[in-house]
Amino acid sequence: WVMVGHDEYKLRVAGCTTAVNAPTIMPYIN
């Protein structure tokens, strides 16, 4: 969703994920 929704189409994107996956998603908050 980040790579397509935001990066290609400028759609605002938020995420909800499991605790174990959260560290791999954090870099996209920039």
PDB file of all heavy atoms in Angstrom:
ATOM      1  N   TRP A   1       0.827  -1.210   0.000  1.00  0.00           N
ATOM      2  CA  TRP A   1       0.000   0.000   0.000  1.00  0.00           C
ATOM      3  C   TRP A   1       0.859   1.256   0.000  1.00  0.00           C
ATOM      4  O   TRP A   1       0.518   2.253  -0.648  1.00  0.00           O
ATOM      5  CB  TRP A   1      -0.946  -0.008   1.192  1.00  0.00           C
ATOM      6  CG  TRP A   1      -2.190  -0.793   0.949  1.00  0.00           C
ATOM      7  CD1 TRP A   1      -2.479  -2.071   1.349  1.00  0.00           C
ATOM      8  CD2 TRP A   1      -3.327  -0.350   0.193  1.00  0.00           C
ATOM      9  NE1 TRP A   1      -3.704  -2.450   0.893  1.00  0.00           N
ATOM     10  CE2 TRP A   1      -4.264  -1.414   0.184  1.00  0.00           C
ATOM     11  CE3 TRP A   1      -3.646   0.832  -0.468  1.00  0.00           C
ATOM     12  CZ2 TRP A   1      -5.494  -1.319  -0.457  1.00  0.00           C
ATOM     13  CZ3 TRP A   1      -4.870   0.937  -1.103  1.00  0.00           C
ATOM     14  CH2 TRP A   1      -5.785  -0.126  -1.097  1.00  0.00           C
ATOM     15  N   VAL A   2       1.993   1.212   0.720  1.00  0.00           N
ATOM     16  CA  VAL A   2       2.901   2.357   0.729  1.00  0.00           C
ATOM     17  C   VAL A   2       3.509   2.578  -0.652  1.00  0.00           C
ATOM     18  O   VAL A   2       3.500   3.695  -1.189  1.00  0.00           O
ATOM     19  CB  VAL A   2       4.015   2.161   1.777  1.00  0.00           C
ATOM     20  CG1 VAL A   2       5.132   3.188   1.573  1.00  0.00           C
ATOM     21  CG2 VAL A   2       3.448   2.272   3.187  1.00  0.00           C
ATOM     22  N   MET A   3       4.040   1.500  -1.241  1.00  0.00           N
ATOM     23  CA  MET A   3       4.737   1.624  -2.522  1.00  0.00           C
ATOM     24  C   MET A   3       3.809   2.016  -3.668  1.00  0.00           C
ATOM     25  O   MET A   3       4.213   2.751  -4.578  1.00  0.00           O
ATOM     26  CB  MET A   3       5.460   0.314  -2.848  1.00  0.00           C
ATOM     27  CG  MET A   3       6.668   0.056  -1.962  1.00  0.00           C
ATOM     28  SD  MET A   3       7.626  -1.396  -2.476  1.00  0.00           S
ATOM     29  CE  MET A   3       6.536  -2.732  -1.970  1.00  0.00           C
ATOM     30  N   VAL A   4       2.571   1.533  -3.623  1.00  0.00           N
ATOM     31  CA  VAL A   4       1.630   1.852  -4.704  1.00  0.00           C
ATOM     32  C   VAL A   4       0.712   3.007  -4.319  1.00  0.00           C
ATOM     33  O   VAL A   4       0.649   4.030  -5.008  1.00  0.00           O
ATOM     34  CB  VAL A   4       0.786   0.619  -5.075  1.00  0.00           C
ATOM     35  CG1 VAL A   4      -0.230   0.987  -6.162  1.00  0.00           C
ATOM     36  CG2 VAL A   4       1.674  -0.505  -5.563  1.00  0.00           C
ATOM     37  N   GLY A   5       0.005   2.840  -3.208  1.00  0.00           N
ATOM     38  CA  GLY A   5      -0.962   3.860  -2.805  1.00  0.00           C
ATOM     39  C   GLY A   5      -0.341   5.224  -2.614  1.00  0.00           C
ATOM     40  O   GLY A   5      -0.796   6.217  -3.198  1.00  0.00           O
ATOM     41  N   HIS A   6       0.719   5.276  -1.807  1.00  0.00           N
ATOM     42  CA  HIS A   6       1.348   6.570  -1.549  1.00  0.00           C
ATOM     43  C   HIS A   6       2.329   6.980  -2.639  1.00  0.00           C
ATOM     44  O   HIS A   6       2.229   8.056  -3.223  1.00  0.00           O
ATOM     45  CB  HIS A   6       2.080   6.558  -0.205  1.00  0.00           C
ATOM     46  CG  HIS A   6       2.814   7.832   0.071  1.00  0.00           C
ATOM     47  ND1 HIS A   6       4.135   8.046  -0.316  1.00  0.00           N
ATOM     48  CD2 HIS A   6       2.421   8.990   0.648  1.00  0.00           C
ATOM     49  CE1 HIS A   6       4.507   9.260   0.027  1.00  0.00           C
ATOM     50  NE2 HIS A   6       3.493   9.858   0.617  1.00  0.00           N
ATOM     51  N   ASP A   7       3.313   6.110  -2.913  1.00  0.00           N
ATOM     52  CA  ASP A   7       4.413   6.499  -3.798  1.00  0.00           C
ATOM     53  C   ASP A   7       3.962   6.736  -5.235  1.00  0.00           C
ATOM     54  O   ASP A   7       4.471   7.639  -5.906  1.00  0.00           O
ATOM     55  CB  ASP A   7       5.512   5.433  -3.766  1.00  0.00           C
ATOM     56  CG  ASP A   7       6.193   5.345  -2.405  1.00  0.00           C
ATOM     57  OD1 ASP A   7       5.891   6.192  -1.541  1.00  0.00           O
ATOM     58  OD2 ASP A   7       7.022   4.430  -2.199  1.00  0.00           O
ATOM     59  N   GLU A   8       3.007   5.931  -5.735  1.00  0.00           N
ATOM     60  CA  GLU A   8       2.572   6.095  -7.119  1.00  0.00           C
ATOM     61  C   GLU A   8       1.364   7.009  -7.266  1.00  0.00           C
ATOM     62  O   GLU A   8       1.276   7.781  -8.227  1.00  0.00           O
ATOM     63  CB  GLU A   8       2.248   4.723  -7.735  1.00  0.00           C
ATOM     64  CG  GLU A   8       3.468   3.842  -7.963  1.00  0.00           C
ATOM     65  CD  GLU A   8       3.139   2.611  -8.776  1.00  0.00           C
ATOM     66  OE1 GLU A   8       2.234   2.676  -9.645  1.00  0.00           O
ATOM     67  OE2 GLU A   8       3.775   1.560  -8.547  1.00  0.00           O
ATOM     68  N   TYR A   9       0.433   6.928  -6.302  1.00  0.00           N
ATOM     69  CA  TYR A   9      -0.832   7.656  -6.468  1.00  0.00           C
ATOM     70  C   TYR A   9      -1.085   8.715  -5.406  1.00  0.00           C
ATOM     71  O   TYR A   9      -2.152   9.343  -5.398  1.00  0.00           O
ATOM     72  CB  TYR A   9      -1.996   6.657  -6.500  1.00  0.00           C
ATOM     73  CG  TYR A   9      -1.943   5.757  -7.701  1.00  0.00           C
ATOM     74  CD1 TYR A   9      -1.428   4.456  -7.605  1.00  0.00           C
ATOM     75  CD2 TYR A   9      -2.383   6.192  -8.948  1.00  0.00           C
ATOM     76  CE1 TYR A   9      -1.364   3.627  -8.711  1.00  0.00           C
ATOM     77  CE2 TYR A   9      -2.319   5.367 -10.056  1.00  0.00           C
ATOM     78  CZ  TYR A   9      -1.817   4.088  -9.930  1.00  0.00           C
ATOM     79  OH  TYR A   9      -1.747   3.266 -11.036  1.00  0.00           O
ATOM     80  N   LYS A  10      -0.107   8.944  -4.513  1.00  0.00           N
ATOM     81  CA  LYS A  10      -0.183  10.002  -3.506  1.00  0.00           C
ATOM     82  C   LYS A  10      -1.385   9.873  -2.573  1.00  0.00           C
ATOM     83  O   LYS A  10      -1.920  10.862  -2.076  1.00  0.00           O
ATOM     84  CB  LYS A  10      -0.200  11.386  -4.177  1.00  0.00           C
ATOM     85  CG  LYS A  10       0.930  11.606  -5.169  1.00  0.00           C
ATOM     86  CD  LYS A  10       2.287  11.309  -4.545  1.00  0.00           C
ATOM     87  CE  LYS A  10       3.415  11.435  -5.564  1.00  0.00           C
ATOM     88  NZ  LYS A  10       4.736  11.014  -5.003  1.00  0.00           N
ATOM     89  N   LEU A  11      -1.824   8.643  -2.354  1.00  0.00           N
ATOM     90  CA  LEU A  11      -2.901   8.368  -1.415  1.00  0.00           C
ATOM     91  C   LEU A  11      -2.303   8.273  -0.009  1.00  0.00           C
ATOM     92  O   LEU A  11      -1.274   7.644   0.202  1.00  0.00           O
ATOM     93  CB  LEU A  11      -3.584   7.049  -1.775  1.00  0.00           C
ATOM     94  CG  LEU A  11      -4.704   6.555  -0.855  1.00  0.00           C
ATOM     95  CD1 LEU A  11      -5.910   7.475  -0.942  1.00  0.00           C
ATOM     96  CD2 LEU A  11      -5.094   5.111  -1.214  1.00  0.00           C
ATOM     97  N   ARG A  12      -2.942   8.928   0.932  1.00  0.00           N
ATOM     98  CA  ARG A  12      -2.464   8.846   2.309  1.00  0.00           C
ATOM     99  C   ARG A  12      -2.718   7.432   2.849  1.00  0.00           C
ATOM    100  O   ARG A  12      -3.815   6.897   2.691  1.00  0.00           O
ATOM    101  CB  ARG A  12      -3.169   9.883   3.192  1.00  0.00           C
ATOM    102  CG  ARG A  12      -2.827  11.320   2.836  1.00  0.00           C
ATOM    103  CD  ARG A  12      -3.444  12.292   3.810  1.00  0.00           C
ATOM    104  NE  ARG A  12      -4.913  12.241   3.782  1.00  0.00           N
ATOM    105  CZ  ARG A  12      -5.707  12.905   4.622  1.00  0.00           C
ATOM    106  NH1 ARG A  12      -5.173  13.654   5.585  1.00  0.00           N
ATOM    107  NH2 ARG A  12      -7.020  12.821   4.519  1.00  0.00           N
ATOM    108  N   VAL A  13      -1.691   6.868   3.487  1.00  0.00           N
ATOM    109  CA  VAL A  13      -1.765   5.481   3.945  1.00  0.00           C
ATOM    110  C   VAL A  13      -1.366   5.390   5.415  1.00  0.00           C
ATOM    111  O   VAL A  13      -0.387   6.003   5.848  1.00  0.00           O
ATOM    112  CB  VAL A  13      -0.846   4.564   3.118  1.00  0.00           C
ATOM    113  CG1 VAL A  13      -0.872   3.137   3.663  1.00  0.00           C
ATOM    114  CG2 VAL A  13      -1.242   4.580   1.644  1.00  0.00           C
ATOM    115  N   ALA A  14      -2.147   4.640   6.185  1.00  0.00           N
ATOM    116  CA  ALA A  14      -1.805   4.312   7.567  1.00  0.00           C
ATOM    117  C   ALA A  14      -1.791   2.794   7.696  1.00  0.00           C
ATOM    118  O   ALA A  14      -2.363   2.080   6.861  1.00  0.00           O
ATOM    119  CB  ALA A  14      -2.806   4.920   8.540  1.00  0.00           C
ATOM    120  N   GLY A  15      -1.142   2.292   8.743  1.00  0.00           N
ATOM    121  CA  GLY A  15      -1.017   0.847   8.881  1.00  0.00           C
ATOM    122  C   GLY A  15      -1.327   0.351  10.281  1.00  0.00           C
ATOM    123  O   GLY A  15      -1.162   1.076  11.271  1.00  0.00           O
ATOM    124  N   CYS A  16      -1.781  -0.879  10.339  1.00  0.00           N
ATOM    125  CA  CYS A  16      -1.995  -1.592  11.602  1.00  0.00           C
ATOM    126  C   CYS A  16      -1.386  -2.978  11.423  1.00  0.00           C
ATOM    127  O   CYS A  16      -1.724  -3.681  10.469  1.00  0.00           O
ATOM    128  CB  CYS A  16      -3.485  -1.716  11.926  1.00  0.00           C
ATOM    129  SG  CYS A  16      -4.353  -0.144  12.128  1.00  0.00           S
ATOM    130  N   THR A  17      -0.503  -3.369  12.332  1.00  0.00           N
ATOM    131  CA  THR A  17       0.182  -4.644  12.157  1.00  0.00           C
ATOM    132  C   THR A  17       0.456  -5.302  13.506  1.00  0.00           C
ATOM    133  O   THR A  17       0.160  -4.729  14.562  1.00  0.00           O
ATOM    134  CB  THR A  17       1.496  -4.455  11.379  1.00  0.00           C
ATOM    135  OG1 THR A  17       2.030  -5.724  11.011  1.00  0.00           O
ATOM    136  CG2 THR A  17       2.525  -3.694  12.206  1.00  0.00           C
ATOM    137  N   THR A  18       0.991  -6.508  13.452  1.00  0.00           N
ATOM    138  CA  THR A  18       1.340  -7.227  14.672  1.00  0.00           C
ATOM    139  C   THR A  18       2.625  -6.659  15.263  1.00  0.00           C
ATOM    140  O   THR A  18       3.414  -6.004  14.570  1.00  0.00           O
ATOM    141  CB  THR A  18       1.537  -8.713  14.365  1.00  0.00           C
ATOM    142  OG1 THR A  18       2.542  -8.854  13.345  1.00  0.00           O
ATOM    143  CG2 THR A  18       0.245  -9.346  13.868  1.00  0.00           C
ATOM    144  N   ALA A  19       2.843  -6.929  16.542  1.00  0.00           N
ATOM    145  CA  ALA A  19       4.027  -6.395  17.221  1.00  0.00           C
ATOM    146  C   ALA A  19       5.317  -6.887  16.575  1.00  0.00           C
ATOM    147  O   ALA A  19       6.287  -6.141  16.441  1.00  0.00           O
ATOM    148  CB  ALA A  19       3.988  -6.784  18.697  1.00  0.00           C
ATOM    149  N   VAL A  20       5.328  -8.149  16.129  1.00  0.00           N
ATOM    150  CA  VAL A  20       6.545  -8.707  15.560  1.00  0.00           C
ATOM    151  C   VAL A  20       6.879  -8.079  14.209  1.00  0.00           C
ATOM    152  O   VAL A  20       8.060  -8.013  13.817  1.00  0.00           O
ATOM    153  CB  VAL A  20       6.416 -10.245  15.431  1.00  0.00           C
ATOM    154  CG1 VAL A  20       5.416 -10.629  14.350  1.00  0.00           C
ATOM    155  CG2 VAL A  20       7.774 -10.887  15.169  1.00  0.00           C
ATOM    156  N   ASN A  21       5.875  -7.608  13.484  1.00  0.00           N
ATOM    157  CA  ASN A  21       6.106  -7.009  12.171  1.00  0.00           C
ATOM    158  C   ASN A  21       6.364  -5.503  12.231  1.00  0.00           C
ATOM    159  O   ASN A  21       6.872  -4.919  11.269  1.00  0.00           O
ATOM    160  CB  ASN A  21       4.915  -7.260  11.250  1.00  0.00           C
ATOM    161  CG  ASN A  21       4.886  -8.668  10.703  1.00  0.00           C
ATOM    162  OD1 ASN A  21       5.920  -9.298  10.519  1.00  0.00           O
ATOM    163  ND2 ASN A  21       3.699  -9.185  10.450  1.00  0.00           N
ATOM    164  N   ALA A  22       6.000  -4.865  13.334  1.00  0.00           N
ATOM    165  CA  ALA A  22       6.085  -3.407  13.430  1.00  0.00           C
ATOM    166  C   ALA A  22       7.481  -2.850  13.141  1.00  0.00           C
ATOM    167  O   ALA A  22       7.608  -1.852  12.416  1.00  0.00           O
ATOM    168  CB  ALA A  22       5.596  -2.949  14.802  1.00  0.00           C
ATOM    169  N   PRO A  23       8.575  -3.445  13.664  1.00  0.00           N
ATOM    170  CA  PRO A  23       9.905  -2.869  13.397  1.00  0.00           C
ATOM    171  C   PRO A  23      10.259  -2.805  11.909  1.00  0.00           C
ATOM    172  O   PRO A  23      10.987  -1.905  11.479  1.00  0.00           O
ATOM    173  CB  PRO A  23      10.847  -3.816  14.149  1.00  0.00           C
ATOM    174  CG  PRO A  23      10.012  -4.397  15.234  1.00  0.00           C
ATOM    175  CD  PRO A  23       8.661  -4.564  14.627  1.00  0.00           C
ATOM    176  N   THR A  24       9.761  -3.756  11.111  1.00  0.00           N
ATOM    177  CA  THR A  24      10.081  -3.741   9.676  1.00  0.00           C
ATOM    178  C   THR A  24       9.282  -2.683   8.929  1.00  0.00           C
ATOM    179  O   THR A  24       9.642  -2.304   7.810  1.00  0.00           O
ATOM    180  CB  THR A  24       9.784  -5.126   9.046  1.00  0.00           C
ATOM    181  OG1 THR A  24       8.374  -5.401   9.125  1.00  0.00           O
ATOM    182  CG2 THR A  24      10.536  -6.223   9.771  1.00  0.00           C
ATOM    183  N   ILE A  25       8.186  -2.188   9.543  1.00  0.00           N
ATOM    184  CA  ILE A  25       7.340  -1.175   8.898  1.00  0.00           C
ATOM    185  C   ILE A  25       7.756   0.232   9.288  1.00  0.00           C
ATOM    186  O   ILE A  25       7.544   1.187   8.531  1.00  0.00           O
ATOM    187  CB  ILE A  25       5.857  -1.402   9.282  1.00  0.00           C
ATOM    188  CG1 ILE A  25       5.427  -2.838   8.959  1.00  0.00           C
ATOM    189  CG2 ILE A  25       4.955  -0.413   8.553  1.00  0.00           C
ATOM    190  CD1 ILE A  25       5.502  -3.190   7.495  1.00  0.00           C
ATOM    191  N   MET A  26       8.377   0.374  10.443  1.00  0.00           N
ATOM    192  CA  MET A  26       8.713   1.698  10.988  1.00  0.00           C
ATOM    193  C   MET A  26       9.505   2.593  10.024  1.00  0.00           C
ATOM    194  O   MET A  26       9.290   3.808  10.000  1.00  0.00           O
ATOM    195  CB  MET A  26       9.485   1.546  12.298  1.00  0.00           C
ATOM    196  CG  MET A  26       8.633   1.046  13.459  1.00  0.00           C
ATOM    197  SD  MET A  26       7.295   2.176  13.882  1.00  0.00           S
ATOM    198  CE  MET A  26       8.233   3.570  14.495  1.00  0.00           C
ATOM    199  N   PRO A  27      10.445   2.056   9.219  1.00  0.00           N
ATOM    200  CA  PRO A  27      11.201   2.942   8.320  1.00  0.00           C
ATOM    201  C   PRO A  27      10.339   3.734   7.338  1.00  0.00           C
ATOM    202  O   PRO A  27      10.788   4.772   6.811  1.00  0.00           O
ATOM    203  CB  PRO A  27      12.133   1.973   7.580  1.00  0.00           C
ATOM    204  CG  PRO A  27      12.312   0.832   8.526  1.00  0.00           C
ATOM    205  CD  PRO A  27      10.986   0.683   9.200  1.00  0.00           C
ATOM    206  N   TYR A  28       9.125   3.273   7.079  1.00  0.00           N
ATOM    207  CA  TYR A  28       8.253   3.994   6.139  1.00  0.00           C
ATOM    208  C   TYR A  28       7.647   5.253   6.769  1.00  0.00           C
ATOM    209  O   TYR A  28       7.058   6.075   6.064  1.00  0.00           O
ATOM    210  CB  TYR A  28       7.137   3.082   5.638  1.00  0.00           C
ATOM    211  CG  TYR A  28       7.624   1.982   4.737  1.00  0.00           C
ATOM    212  CD1 TYR A  28       7.762   0.676   5.213  1.00  0.00           C
ATOM    213  CD2 TYR A  28       7.969   2.235   3.410  1.00  0.00           C
ATOM    214  CE1 TYR A  28       8.222  -0.342   4.392  1.00  0.00           C
ATOM    215  CE2 TYR A  28       8.436   1.220   2.587  1.00  0.00           C
ATOM    216  CZ  TYR A  28       8.560  -0.065   3.081  1.00  0.00           C
ATOM    217  OH  TYR A  28       9.018  -1.076   2.265  1.00  0.00           O
ATOM    218  N   ILE A  29       7.775   5.384   8.080  1.00  0.00           N
ATOM    219  CA  ILE A  29       7.322   6.620   8.731  1.00  0.00           C
ATOM    220  C   ILE A  29       8.503   7.578   8.696  1.00  0.00           C
ATOM    221  O   ILE A  29       9.366   7.577   9.566  1.00  0.00           O
ATOM    222  CB  ILE A  29       6.862   6.346  10.172  1.00  0.00           C
ATOM    223  CG1 ILE A  29       5.736   5.327  10.186  1.00  0.00           C
ATOM    224  CG2 ILE A  29       6.405   7.632  10.844  1.00  0.00           C
ATOM    225  CD1 ILE A  29       5.268   4.935  11.572  1.00  0.00           C
ATOM    226  N   ASN A  30       8.544   8.402   7.690  1.00  0.00           N
ATOM    227  CA  ASN A  30       9.693   9.269   7.459  1.00  0.00           C
ATOM    228  C   ASN A  30       9.240  10.664   7.038  1.00  0.00           C
ATOM    229  O   ASN A  30       8.049  10.998   7.102  1.00  0.00           O
ATOM    230  CB  ASN A  30      10.617   8.656   6.394  1.00  0.00           C
ATOM    231  CG  ASN A  30       9.834   8.244   5.142  1.00  0.00           C
ATOM    232  OD1 ASN A  30       8.869   8.910   4.748  1.00  0.00           O
ATOM    233  ND2 ASN A  30      10.233   7.141   4.517  1.00  0.00           N
TER     234      ASN A  30
END
